[in-house]
Amino acid sequence: MRPIGKITCALIVLSMLGACTAGSAEAHHMAQSGGLSQFLLGVWHGLIAPVTLVVELVDHVAPHALPWTLHFFEKDSGVFYDLGFYLGLGGGPVVYVNSRRRRG
């Protein structure tokens, strides 16, 4: 696959994953439920945090450019969410890309 095809596929996947970001009503409801769901939601939000940050910055700079608003972090969700979020940040895509560069 050519580099432009890889970039296009990555952007499509990132756009689909962006639909599962913090701040939605579904995420808020899940963050208020049991400990395991809070933890897994935190891991997920930690993994997609780089994408969420970019989308939130775009939304801040151009408030009406995107049809939704989101938050980088789910507020008032508990210690299990916080733990999962920080573990997800530690295993995010930036860490993966940097580890591949060091090896090869």
PDB file of N, CA and C in Angstrom:
ATOM      1  N   MET A   1       0.854  -1.171   0.000  1.00  0.00           N
ATOM      2  CA  MET A   1       0.000   0.000   0.000  1.00  0.00           C
ATOM      3  C   MET A   1       0.898   1.232   0.000  1.00  0.00           C
ATOM      4  N   ARG A   2       0.514   2.209  -0.781  1.00  0.00           N
ATOM      5  CA  ARG A   2       1.290   3.441  -0.862  1.00  0.00           C
ATOM      6  C   ARG A   2       1.106   4.279   0.398  1.00  0.00           C
ATOM      7  N   PRO A   3       2.068   5.169   0.684  1.00  0.00           N
ATOM      8  CA  PRO A   3       1.973   6.007   1.898  1.00  0.00           C
ATOM      9  C   PRO A   3       0.696   6.829   1.973  1.00  0.00           C
ATOM     10  N   ILE A   4       0.219   7.351   0.845  1.00  0.00           N
ATOM     11  CA  ILE A   4      -1.007   8.156   0.887  1.00  0.00           C
ATOM     12  C   ILE A   4      -2.203   7.289   1.256  1.00  0.00           C
ATOM     13  N   GLY A   5      -2.195   6.033   0.820  1.00  0.00           N
ATOM     14  CA  GLY A   5      -3.270   5.110   1.192  1.00  0.00           C
ATOM     15  C   GLY A   5      -3.248   4.783   2.672  1.00  0.00           C
ATOM     16  N   LYS A   6      -2.044   4.612   3.220  1.00  0.00           N
ATOM     17  CA  LYS A   6      -1.913   4.346   4.657  1.00  0.00           C
ATOM     18  C   LYS A   6      -2.394   5.538   5.471  1.00  0.00           C
ATOM     19  N   ILE A   7      -2.026   6.727   5.029  1.00  0.00           N
ATOM     20  CA  ILE A   7      -2.440   7.935   5.746  1.00  0.00           C
ATOM     21  C   ILE A   7      -3.957   8.088   5.683  1.00  0.00           C
ATOM     22  N   THR A   8      -4.535   7.840   4.517  1.00  0.00           N
ATOM     23  CA  THR A   8      -5.990   7.941   4.372  1.00  0.00           C
ATOM     24  C   THR A   8      -6.699   6.937   5.267  1.00  0.00           C
ATOM     25  N   CYS A   9      -6.212   5.698   5.279  1.00  0.00           N
ATOM     26  CA  CYS A   9      -6.820   4.673   6.147  1.00  0.00           C
ATOM     27  C   CYS A   9      -6.690   5.062   7.614  1.00  0.00           C
ATOM     28  N   ALA A  10      -5.542   5.575   8.004  1.00  0.00           N
ATOM     29  CA  ALA A  10      -5.334   5.980   9.393  1.00  0.00           C
ATOM     30  C   ALA A  10      -6.281   7.113   9.774  1.00  0.00           C
ATOM     31  N   LEU A  11      -6.486   8.069   8.889  1.00  0.00           N
ATOM     32  CA  LEU A  11      -7.399   9.177   9.179  1.00  0.00           C
ATOM     33  C   LEU A  11      -8.844   8.700   9.296  1.00  0.00           C
ATOM     34  N   ILE A  12      -9.231   7.742   8.472  1.00  0.00           N
ATOM     35  CA  ILE A  12     -10.589   7.209   8.560  1.00  0.00           C
ATOM     36  C   ILE A  12     -10.791   6.482   9.879  1.00  0.00           C
ATOM     37  N   VAL A  13      -9.816   5.653  10.247  1.00  0.00           N
ATOM     38  CA  VAL A  13      -9.914   4.922  11.519  1.00  0.00           C
ATOM     39  C   VAL A  13      -9.933   5.896  12.690  1.00  0.00           C
ATOM     40  N   LEU A  14      -9.080   6.897  12.668  1.00  0.00           N
ATOM     41  CA  LEU A  14      -9.047   7.880  13.750  1.00  0.00           C
ATOM     42  C   LEU A  14     -10.356   8.659  13.836  1.00  0.00           C
ATOM     43  N   SER A  15     -10.965   8.946  12.705  1.00  0.00           N
ATOM     44  CA  SER A  15     -12.261   9.638  12.725  1.00  0.00           C
ATOM     45  C   SER A  15     -13.336   8.771  13.363  1.00  0.00           C
ATOM     46  N   MET A  16     -13.326   7.477  13.037  1.00  0.00           N
ATOM     47  CA  MET A  16     -14.308   6.574  13.640  1.00  0.00           C
ATOM     48  C   MET A  16     -14.067   6.430  15.135  1.00  0.00           C
ATOM     49  N   LEU A  17     -12.810   6.339  15.534  1.00  0.00           N
ATOM     50  CA  LEU A  17     -12.504   6.220  16.954  1.00  0.00           C
ATOM     51  C   LEU A  17     -12.830   7.498  17.707  1.00  0.00           C
ATOM     52  N   GLY A  18     -12.759   8.624  17.023  1.00  0.00           N
ATOM     53  CA  GLY A  18     -13.085   9.890  17.656  1.00  0.00           C
ATOM     54  C   GLY A  18     -14.528   9.978  18.107  1.00  0.00           C
ATOM     55  N   ALA A  19     -15.386   9.136  17.541  1.00  0.00           N
ATOM     56  CA  ALA A  19     -16.788   9.125  17.946  1.00  0.00           C
ATOM     57  C   ALA A  19     -16.959   8.563  19.353  1.00  0.00           C
ATOM     58  N   CYS A  20     -15.941   7.918  19.880  1.00  0.00           N
ATOM     59  CA  CYS A  20     -16.028   7.288  21.199  1.00  0.00           C
ATOM     60  C   CYS A  20     -15.273   8.088  22.253  1.00  0.00           C
ATOM     61  N   THR A  21     -15.185   9.384  22.098  1.00  0.00           N
ATOM     62  CA  THR A  21     -14.383  10.193  22.995  1.00  0.00           C
ATOM     63  C   THR A  21     -15.132  10.590  24.251  1.00  0.00           C
ATOM     64  N   ALA A  22     -14.387  11.144  25.170  1.00  0.00           N
ATOM     65  CA  ALA A  22     -14.968  11.602  26.434  1.00  0.00           C
ATOM     66  C   ALA A  22     -15.917  12.767  26.182  1.00  0.00           C
ATOM     67  N   GLY A  23     -16.885  12.902  27.059  1.00  0.00           N
ATOM     68  CA  GLY A  23     -17.801  14.020  26.985  1.00  0.00           C
ATOM     69  C   GLY A  23     -19.159  13.677  26.412  1.00  0.00           C
ATOM     70  N   SER A  24     -19.304  12.508  25.804  1.00  0.00           N
ATOM     71  CA  SER A  24     -20.609  12.139  25.269  1.00  0.00           C
ATOM     72  C   SER A  24     -21.518  11.666  26.396  1.00  0.00           C
ATOM     73  N   ALA A  25     -22.799  11.642  26.135  1.00  0.00           N
ATOM     74  CA  ALA A  25     -23.759  11.203  27.154  1.00  0.00           C
ATOM     75  C   ALA A  25     -23.545   9.739  27.509  1.00  0.00           C
ATOM     76  N   GLU A  26     -23.205   8.923  26.499  1.00  0.00           N
ATOM     77  CA  GLU A  26     -22.965   7.504  26.748  1.00  0.00           C
ATOM     78  C   GLU A  26     -21.741   7.300  27.626  1.00  0.00           C
ATOM     79  N   ALA A  27     -20.675   8.040  27.354  1.00  0.00           N
ATOM     80  CA  ALA A  27     -19.455   7.930  28.151  1.00  0.00           C
ATOM     81  C   ALA A  27     -19.709   8.399  29.576  1.00  0.00           C
ATOM     82  N   HIS A  28     -20.487   9.446  29.731  1.00  0.00           N
ATOM     83  CA  HIS A  28     -20.799   9.942  31.073  1.00  0.00           C
ATOM     84  C   HIS A  28     -21.604   8.905  31.850  1.00  0.00           C
ATOM     85  N   HIS A  29     -22.567   8.279  31.200  1.00  0.00           N
ATOM     86  CA  HIS A  29     -23.378   7.254  31.856  1.00  0.00           C
ATOM     87  C   HIS A  29     -22.506   6.060  32.260  1.00  0.00           C
ATOM     88  N   MET A  30     -21.601   5.622  31.370  1.00  0.00           N
ATOM     89  CA  MET A  30     -20.736   4.491  31.685  1.00  0.00           C
ATOM     90  C   MET A  30     -19.753   4.845  32.800  1.00  0.00           C
ATOM     91  N   ALA A  31     -19.291   6.089  32.820  1.00  0.00           N
ATOM     92  CA  ALA A  31     -18.342   6.498  33.856  1.00  0.00           C
ATOM     93  C   ALA A  31     -18.988   6.534  35.235  1.00  0.00           C
ATOM     94  N   GLN A  32     -20.296   6.598  35.307  1.00  0.00           N
ATOM     95  CA  GLN A  32     -20.987   6.615  36.589  1.00  0.00           C
ATOM     96  C   GLN A  32     -21.366   5.213  37.066  1.00  0.00           C
ATOM     97  N   SER A  33     -21.107   4.185  36.252  1.00  0.00           N
ATOM     98  CA  SER A  33     -21.485   2.821  36.627  1.00  0.00           C
ATOM     99  C   SER A  33     -20.337   2.135  37.367  1.00  0.00           C
ATOM    100  N   GLY A  34     -20.267   0.823  37.328  1.00  0.00           N
ATOM    101  CA  GLY A  34     -19.330   0.041  38.133  1.00  0.00           C
ATOM    102  C   GLY A  34     -17.863   0.293  37.850  1.00  0.00           C
ATOM    103  N   GLY A  35     -17.018  -0.240  38.726  1.00  0.00           N
ATOM    104  CA  GLY A  35     -15.583  -0.008  38.675  1.00  0.00           C
ATOM    105  C   GLY A  35     -14.914  -0.521  37.418  1.00  0.00           C
ATOM    106  N   LEU A  36     -15.307  -1.712  36.948  1.00  0.00           N
ATOM    107  CA  LEU A  36     -14.676  -2.272  35.751  1.00  0.00           C
ATOM    108  C   LEU A  36     -14.984  -1.430  34.525  1.00  0.00           C
ATOM    109  N   SER A  37     -16.228  -1.014  34.368  1.00  0.00           N
ATOM    110  CA  SER A  37     -16.565  -0.182  33.211  1.00  0.00           C
ATOM    111  C   SER A  37     -15.872   1.179  33.296  1.00  0.00           C
ATOM    112  N   GLN A  38     -15.731   1.727  34.501  1.00  0.00           N
ATOM    113  CA  GLN A  38     -14.986   2.975  34.657  1.00  0.00           C
ATOM    114  C   GLN A  38     -13.534   2.790  34.241  1.00  0.00           C
ATOM    115  N   PHE A  39     -12.929   1.696  34.680  1.00  0.00           N
ATOM    116  CA  PHE A  39     -11.528   1.431  34.349  1.00  0.00           C
ATOM    117  C   PHE A  39     -11.338   1.275  32.844  1.00  0.00           C
ATOM    118  N   LEU A  40     -12.180   0.464  32.204  1.00  0.00           N
ATOM    119  CA  LEU A  40     -12.046   0.230  30.760  1.00  0.00           C
ATOM    120  C   LEU A  40     -12.313   1.490  29.957  1.00  0.00           C
ATOM    121  N   LEU A  41     -13.277   2.283  30.384  1.00  0.00           N
ATOM    122  CA  LEU A  41     -13.534   3.554  29.721  1.00  0.00           C
ATOM    123  C   LEU A  41     -12.330   4.482  29.866  1.00  0.00           C
ATOM    124  N   GLY A  42     -11.715   4.488  31.050  1.00  0.00           N
ATOM    125  CA  GLY A  42     -10.521   5.299  31.258  1.00  0.00           C
ATOM    126  C   GLY A  42      -9.370   4.860  30.375  1.00  0.00           C
ATOM    127  N   VAL A  43      -9.172   3.546  30.237  1.00  0.00           N
ATOM    128  CA  VAL A  43      -8.114   3.035  29.350  1.00  0.00           C
ATOM    129  C   VAL A  43      -8.383   3.481  27.922  1.00  0.00           C
ATOM    130  N   TRP A  44      -9.632   3.324  27.482  1.00  0.00           N
ATOM    131  CA  TRP A  44      -9.981   3.727  26.118  1.00  0.00           C
ATOM    132  C   TRP A  44      -9.724   5.209  25.898  1.00  0.00           C
ATOM    133  N   HIS A  45     -10.174   6.047  26.821  1.00  0.00           N
ATOM    134  CA  HIS A  45      -9.972   7.487  26.671  1.00  0.00           C
ATOM    135  C   HIS A  45      -8.494   7.851  26.747  1.00  0.00           C
ATOM    136  N   GLY A  46      -7.710   7.106  27.517  1.00  0.00           N
ATOM    137  CA  GLY A  46      -6.273   7.343  27.544  1.00  0.00           C
ATOM    138  C   GLY A  46      -5.609   6.986  26.228  1.00  0.00           C
ATOM    139  N   LEU A  47      -6.041   5.889  25.608  1.00  0.00           N
ATOM    140  CA  LEU A  47      -5.464   5.471  24.333  1.00  0.00           C
ATOM    141  C   LEU A  47      -5.763   6.459  23.215  1.00  0.00           C
ATOM    142  N   ILE A  48      -6.966   7.010  23.209  1.00  0.00           N
ATOM    143  CA  ILE A  48      -7.324   7.935  22.135  1.00  0.00           C
ATOM    144  C   ILE A  48      -7.095   9.395  22.530  1.00  0.00           C
ATOM    145  N   ALA A  49      -6.416   9.626  23.640  1.00  0.00           N
ATOM    146  CA  ALA A  49      -6.195  10.988  24.128  1.00  0.00           C
ATOM    147  C   ALA A  49      -5.485  11.896  23.122  1.00  0.00           C
ATOM    148  N   PRO A  50      -4.467  11.427  22.378  1.00  0.00           N
ATOM    149  CA  PRO A  50      -3.839  12.337  21.410  1.00  0.00           C
ATOM    150  C   PRO A  50      -4.824  12.842  20.355  1.00  0.00           C
ATOM    151  N   VAL A  51      -5.688  11.974  19.871  1.00  0.00           N
ATOM    152  CA  VAL A  51      -6.689  12.382  18.883  1.00  0.00           C
ATOM    153  C   VAL A  51      -7.696  13.317  19.518  1.00  0.00           C
ATOM    154  N   THR A  52      -8.130  12.994  20.725  1.00  0.00           N
ATOM    155  CA  THR A  52      -9.101  13.824  21.432  1.00  0.00           C
ATOM    156  C   THR A  52      -8.545  15.220  21.677  1.00  0.00           C
ATOM    157  N   LEU A  53      -7.278  15.303  22.021  1.00  0.00           N
ATOM    158  CA  LEU A  53      -6.659  16.601  22.266  1.00  0.00           C
ATOM    159  C   LEU A  53      -6.665  17.454  21.012  1.00  0.00           C
ATOM    160  N   VAL A  54      -6.322  16.878  19.878  1.00  0.00           N
ATOM    161  CA  VAL A  54      -6.320  17.629  18.622  1.00  0.00           C
ATOM    162  C   VAL A  54      -7.720  18.107  18.274  1.00  0.00           C
ATOM    163  N   VAL A  55      -8.713  17.224  18.408  1.00  0.00           N
ATOM    164  CA  VAL A  55     -10.096  17.599  18.107  1.00  0.00           C
ATOM    165  C   VAL A  55     -10.577  18.694  19.056  1.00  0.00           C
ATOM    166  N   GLU A  56     -10.218  18.591  20.329  1.00  0.00           N
ATOM    167  CA  GLU A  56     -10.633  19.615  21.283  1.00  0.00           C
ATOM    168  C   GLU A  56      -9.970  20.956  20.980  1.00  0.00           C
ATOM    169  N   LEU A  57      -8.719  20.948  20.555  1.00  0.00           N
ATOM    170  CA  LEU A  57      -8.046  22.191  20.177  1.00  0.00           C
ATOM    171  C   LEU A  57      -8.696  22.823  18.946  1.00  0.00           C
ATOM    172  N   VAL A  58      -9.042  21.994  17.953  1.00  0.00           N
ATOM    173  CA  VAL A  58      -9.737  22.515  16.776  1.00  0.00           C
ATOM    174  C   VAL A  58     -11.081  23.112  17.178  1.00  0.00           C
ATOM    175  N   ASP A  59     -11.785  22.428  18.062  1.00  0.00           N
ATOM    176  CA  ASP A  59     -13.077  22.917  18.532  1.00  0.00           C
ATOM    177  C   ASP A  59     -12.935  24.228  19.304  1.00  0.00           C
ATOM    178  N   HIS A  60     -11.827  24.391  19.996  1.00  0.00           N
ATOM    179  CA  HIS A  60     -11.599  25.628  20.751  1.00  0.00           C
ATOM    180  C   HIS A  60     -11.250  26.788  19.813  1.00  0.00           C
ATOM    181  N   VAL A  61     -10.437  26.516  18.800  1.00  0.00           N
ATOM    182  CA  VAL A  61     -10.014  27.561  17.875  1.00  0.00           C
ATOM    183  C   VAL A  61     -11.157  27.956  16.936  1.00  0.00           C
ATOM    184  N   ALA A  62     -11.873  26.969  16.416  1.00  0.00           N
ATOM    185  CA  ALA A  62     -12.993  27.216  15.508  1.00  0.00           C
ATOM    186  C   ALA A  62     -14.229  26.534  16.091  1.00  0.00           C
ATOM    187  N   PRO A  63     -14.962  27.224  16.974  1.00  0.00           N
ATOM    188  CA  PRO A  63     -16.044  26.580  17.730  1.00  0.00           C
ATOM    189  C   PRO A  63     -17.144  25.925  16.898  1.00  0.00           C
ATOM    190  N   HIS A  64     -17.419  26.397  15.724  1.00  0.00           N
ATOM    191  CA  HIS A  64     -18.523  25.833  14.940  1.00  0.00           C
ATOM    192  C   HIS A  64     -18.037  24.986  13.769  1.00  0.00           C
ATOM    193  N   ALA A  65     -16.766  24.652  13.738  1.00  0.00           N
ATOM    194  CA  ALA A  65     -16.229  23.845  12.637  1.00  0.00           C
ATOM    195  C   ALA A  65     -16.641  22.382  12.760  1.00  0.00           C
ATOM    196  N   LEU A  66     -16.829  21.903  13.969  1.00  0.00           N
ATOM    197  CA  LEU A  66     -17.199  20.508  14.198  1.00  0.00           C
ATOM    198  C   LEU A  66     -18.634  20.429  14.710  1.00  0.00           C
ATOM    199  N   PRO A  67     -19.342  19.372  14.354  1.00  0.00           N
ATOM    200  CA  PRO A  67     -20.744  19.277  14.784  1.00  0.00           C
ATOM    201  C   PRO A  67     -20.920  18.784  16.218  1.00  0.00           C
ATOM    202  N   TRP A  68     -19.851  18.582  16.957  1.00  0.00           N
ATOM    203  CA  TRP A  68     -19.949  18.077  18.319  1.00  0.00           C
ATOM    204  C   TRP A  68     -18.924  18.772  19.204  1.00  0.00           C
ATOM    205  N   THR A  69     -19.127  18.663  20.490  1.00  0.00           N
ATOM    206  CA  THR A  69     -18.131  19.123  21.458  1.00  0.00           C
ATOM    207  C   THR A  69     -17.728  17.925  22.298  1.00  0.00           C
ATOM    208  N   LEU A  70     -16.501  17.902  22.714  1.00  0.00           N
ATOM    209  CA  LEU A  70     -16.015  16.805  23.530  1.00  0.00           C
ATOM    210  C   LEU A  70     -15.012  17.330  24.532  1.00  0.00           C
ATOM    211  N   HIS A  71     -14.648  16.474  25.454  1.00  0.00           N
ATOM    212  CA  HIS A  71     -13.717  16.837  26.507  1.00  0.00           C
ATOM    213  C   HIS A  71     -12.568  15.843  26.508  1.00  0.00           C
ATOM    214  N   PHE A  72     -11.411  16.320  26.897  1.00  0.00           N
ATOM    215  CA  PHE A  72     -10.222  15.487  26.938  1.00  0.00           C
ATOM    216  C   PHE A  72     -10.336  14.415  28.016  1.00  0.00           C
ATOM    217  N   PHE A  73     -11.059  14.711  29.083  1.00  0.00           N
ATOM    218  CA  PHE A  73     -11.101  13.850  30.258  1.00  0.00           C
ATOM    219  C   PHE A  73     -12.518  13.853  30.803  1.00  0.00           C
ATOM    220  N   GLU A  74     -13.035  12.701  31.185  1.00  0.00           N
ATOM    221  CA  GLU A  74     -14.381  12.603  31.758  1.00  0.00           C
ATOM    222  C   GLU A  74     -14.320  13.097  33.207  1.00  0.00           C
ATOM    223  N   LYS A  75     -15.067  14.143  33.521  1.00  0.00           N
ATOM    224  CA  LYS A  75     -14.999  14.750  34.857  1.00  0.00           C
ATOM    225  C   LYS A  75     -15.829  13.969  35.870  1.00  0.00           C
ATOM    226  N   ASP A  76     -15.399  13.995  37.119  1.00  0.00           N
ATOM    227  CA  ASP A  76     -16.118  13.379  38.245  1.00  0.00           C
ATOM    228  C   ASP A  76     -16.509  11.931  37.982  1.00  0.00           C
ATOM    229  N   SER A  77     -15.551  11.120  37.560  1.00  0.00           N
ATOM    230  CA  SER A  77     -15.886   9.757  37.187  1.00  0.00           C
ATOM    231  C   SER A  77     -15.296   8.703  38.113  1.00  0.00           C
ATOM    232  N   GLY A  78     -14.438   9.068  39.012  1.00  0.00           N
ATOM    233  CA  GLY A  78     -13.950   8.099  39.989  1.00  0.00           C
ATOM    234  C   GLY A  78     -12.501   7.682  39.794  1.00  0.00           C
ATOM    235  N   VAL A  79     -11.990   7.009  40.805  1.00  0.00           N
ATOM    236  CA  VAL A  79     -10.588   6.634  40.825  1.00  0.00           C
ATOM    237  C   VAL A  79     -10.271   5.536  39.816  1.00  0.00           C
ATOM    238  N   PHE A  80     -11.208   4.637  39.546  1.00  0.00           N
ATOM    239  CA  PHE A  80     -10.952   3.581  38.565  1.00  0.00           C
ATOM    240  C   PHE A  80     -10.787   4.161  37.165  1.00  0.00           C
ATOM    241  N   TYR A  81     -11.603   5.155  36.837  1.00  0.00           N
ATOM    242  CA  TYR A  81     -11.466   5.831  35.544  1.00  0.00           C
ATOM    243  C   TYR A  81     -10.109   6.521  35.457  1.00  0.00           C
ATOM    244  N   ASP A  82      -9.733   7.227  36.512  1.00  0.00           N
ATOM    245  CA  ASP A  82      -8.450   7.923  36.520  1.00  0.00           C
ATOM    246  C   ASP A  82      -7.292   6.957  36.317  1.00  0.00           C
ATOM    247  N   LEU A  83      -7.318   5.830  37.019  1.00  0.00           N
ATOM    248  CA  LEU A  83      -6.269   4.823  36.882  1.00  0.00           C
ATOM    249  C   LEU A  83      -6.210   4.294  35.452  1.00  0.00           C
ATOM    250  N   GLY A  84      -7.352   3.947  34.900  1.00  0.00           N
ATOM    251  CA  GLY A  84      -7.397   3.460  33.526  1.00  0.00           C
ATOM    252  C   GLY A  84      -6.928   4.503  32.532  1.00  0.00           C
ATOM    253  N   PHE A  85      -7.301   5.759  32.755  1.00  0.00           N
ATOM    254  CA  PHE A  85      -6.902   6.828  31.841  1.00  0.00           C
ATOM    255  C   PHE A  85      -5.384   6.960  31.791  1.00  0.00           C
ATOM    256  N   TYR A  86      -4.759   6.980  32.950  1.00  0.00           N
ATOM    257  CA  TYR A  86      -3.300   7.139  32.963  1.00  0.00           C
ATOM    258  C   TYR A  86      -2.581   5.907  32.446  1.00  0.00           C
ATOM    259  N   LEU A  87      -3.130   4.736  32.673  1.00  0.00           N
ATOM    260  CA  LEU A  87      -2.545   3.529  32.074  1.00  0.00           C
ATOM    261  C   LEU A  87      -2.714   3.555  30.558  1.00  0.00           C
ATOM    262  N   GLY A  88      -3.852   4.038  30.086  1.00  0.00           N
ATOM    263  CA  GLY A  88      -4.068   4.170  28.652  1.00  0.00           C
ATOM    264  C   GLY A  88      -3.125   5.180  28.020  1.00  0.00           C
ATOM    265  N   LEU A  89      -2.858   6.264  28.721  1.00  0.00           N
ATOM    266  CA  LEU A  89      -1.885   7.236  28.213  1.00  0.00           C
ATOM    267  C   LEU A  89      -0.508   6.614  28.075  1.00  0.00           C
ATOM    268  N   GLY A  90      -0.157   5.750  29.015  1.00  0.00           N
ATOM    269  CA  GLY A  90       1.154   5.092  28.972  1.00  0.00           C
ATOM    270  C   GLY A  90       1.289   4.106  27.834  1.00  0.00           C
ATOM    271  N   GLY A  91       0.188   3.591  27.333  1.00  0.00           N
ATOM    272  CA  GLY A  91       0.240   2.627  26.253  1.00  0.00           C
ATOM    273  C   GLY A  91      -0.320   3.160  24.956  1.00  0.00           C
ATOM    274  N   GLY A  92      -0.342   4.461  24.821  1.00  0.00           N
ATOM    275  CA  GLY A  92      -0.949   5.072  23.654  1.00  0.00           C
ATOM    276  C   GLY A  92      -0.106   4.975  22.401  1.00  0.00           C
ATOM    277  N   PRO A  93      -0.630   5.487  21.292  1.00  0.00           N
ATOM    278  CA  PRO A  93       0.041   5.378  20.001  1.00  0.00           C
ATOM    279  C   PRO A  93       1.384   6.089  19.939  1.00  0.00           C
ATOM    280  N   VAL A  94       1.542   7.154  20.678  1.00  0.00           N
ATOM    281  CA  VAL A  94       2.820   7.875  20.655  1.00  0.00           C
ATOM    282  C   VAL A  94       3.933   6.998  21.211  1.00  0.00           C
ATOM    283  N   VAL A  95       3.659   6.285  22.283  1.00  0.00           N
ATOM    284  CA  VAL A  95       4.652   5.382  22.875  1.00  0.00           C
ATOM    285  C   VAL A  95       4.993   4.275  21.895  1.00  0.00           C
ATOM    286  N   TYR A  96       3.999   3.729  21.201  1.00  0.00           N
ATOM    287  CA  TYR A  96       4.217   2.656  20.241  1.00  0.00           C
ATOM    288  C   TYR A  96       5.101   3.127  19.091  1.00  0.00           C
ATOM    289  N   VAL A  97       4.821   4.301  18.538  1.00  0.00           N
ATOM    290  CA  VAL A  97       5.605   4.820  17.422  1.00  0.00           C
ATOM    291  C   VAL A  97       7.041   5.075  17.856  1.00  0.00           C
ATOM    292  N   ASN A  98       7.236   5.658  19.028  1.00  0.00           N
ATOM    293  CA  ASN A  98       8.584   5.929  19.510  1.00  0.00           C
ATOM    294  C   ASN A  98       9.363   4.652  19.778  1.00  0.00           C
ATOM    295  N   SER A  99       8.722   3.611  20.279  1.00  0.00           N
ATOM    296  CA  SER A  99       9.431   2.366  20.545  1.00  0.00           C
ATOM    297  C   SER A  99       9.848   1.696  19.244  1.00  0.00           C
ATOM    298  N   ARG A 100       9.059   1.824  18.183  1.00  0.00           N
ATOM    299  CA  ARG A 100       9.416   1.237  16.889  1.00  0.00           C
ATOM    300  C   ARG A 100      10.592   1.984  16.281  1.00  0.00           C
ATOM    301  N   ARG A 101      10.665   3.280  16.491  1.00  0.00           N
ATOM    302  CA  ARG A 101      11.785   4.066  15.938  1.00  0.00           C
ATOM    303  C   ARG A 101      13.091   3.705  16.610  1.00  0.00           C
ATOM    304  N   ARG A 102      13.060   3.439  17.895  1.00  0.00           N
ATOM    305  CA  ARG A 102      14.280   3.101  18.616  1.00  0.00           C
ATOM    306  C   ARG A 102      14.854   1.765  18.188  1.00  0.00           C
ATOM    307  N   ARG A 103      13.994   0.811  17.848  1.00  0.00           N
ATOM    308  CA  ARG A 103      14.444  -0.524  17.450  1.00  0.00           C
ATOM    309  C   ARG A 103      15.070  -0.539  16.077  1.00  0.00           C
ATOM    310  N   GLY A 104      14.477   0.144  15.173  1.00  0.00           N
ATOM    311  CA  GLY A 104      14.902  -0.001  13.784  1.00  0.00           C
ATOM    312  C   GLY A 104      15.538   1.205  13.283  1.00  0.00           C
TER     313      GLY A 104
END
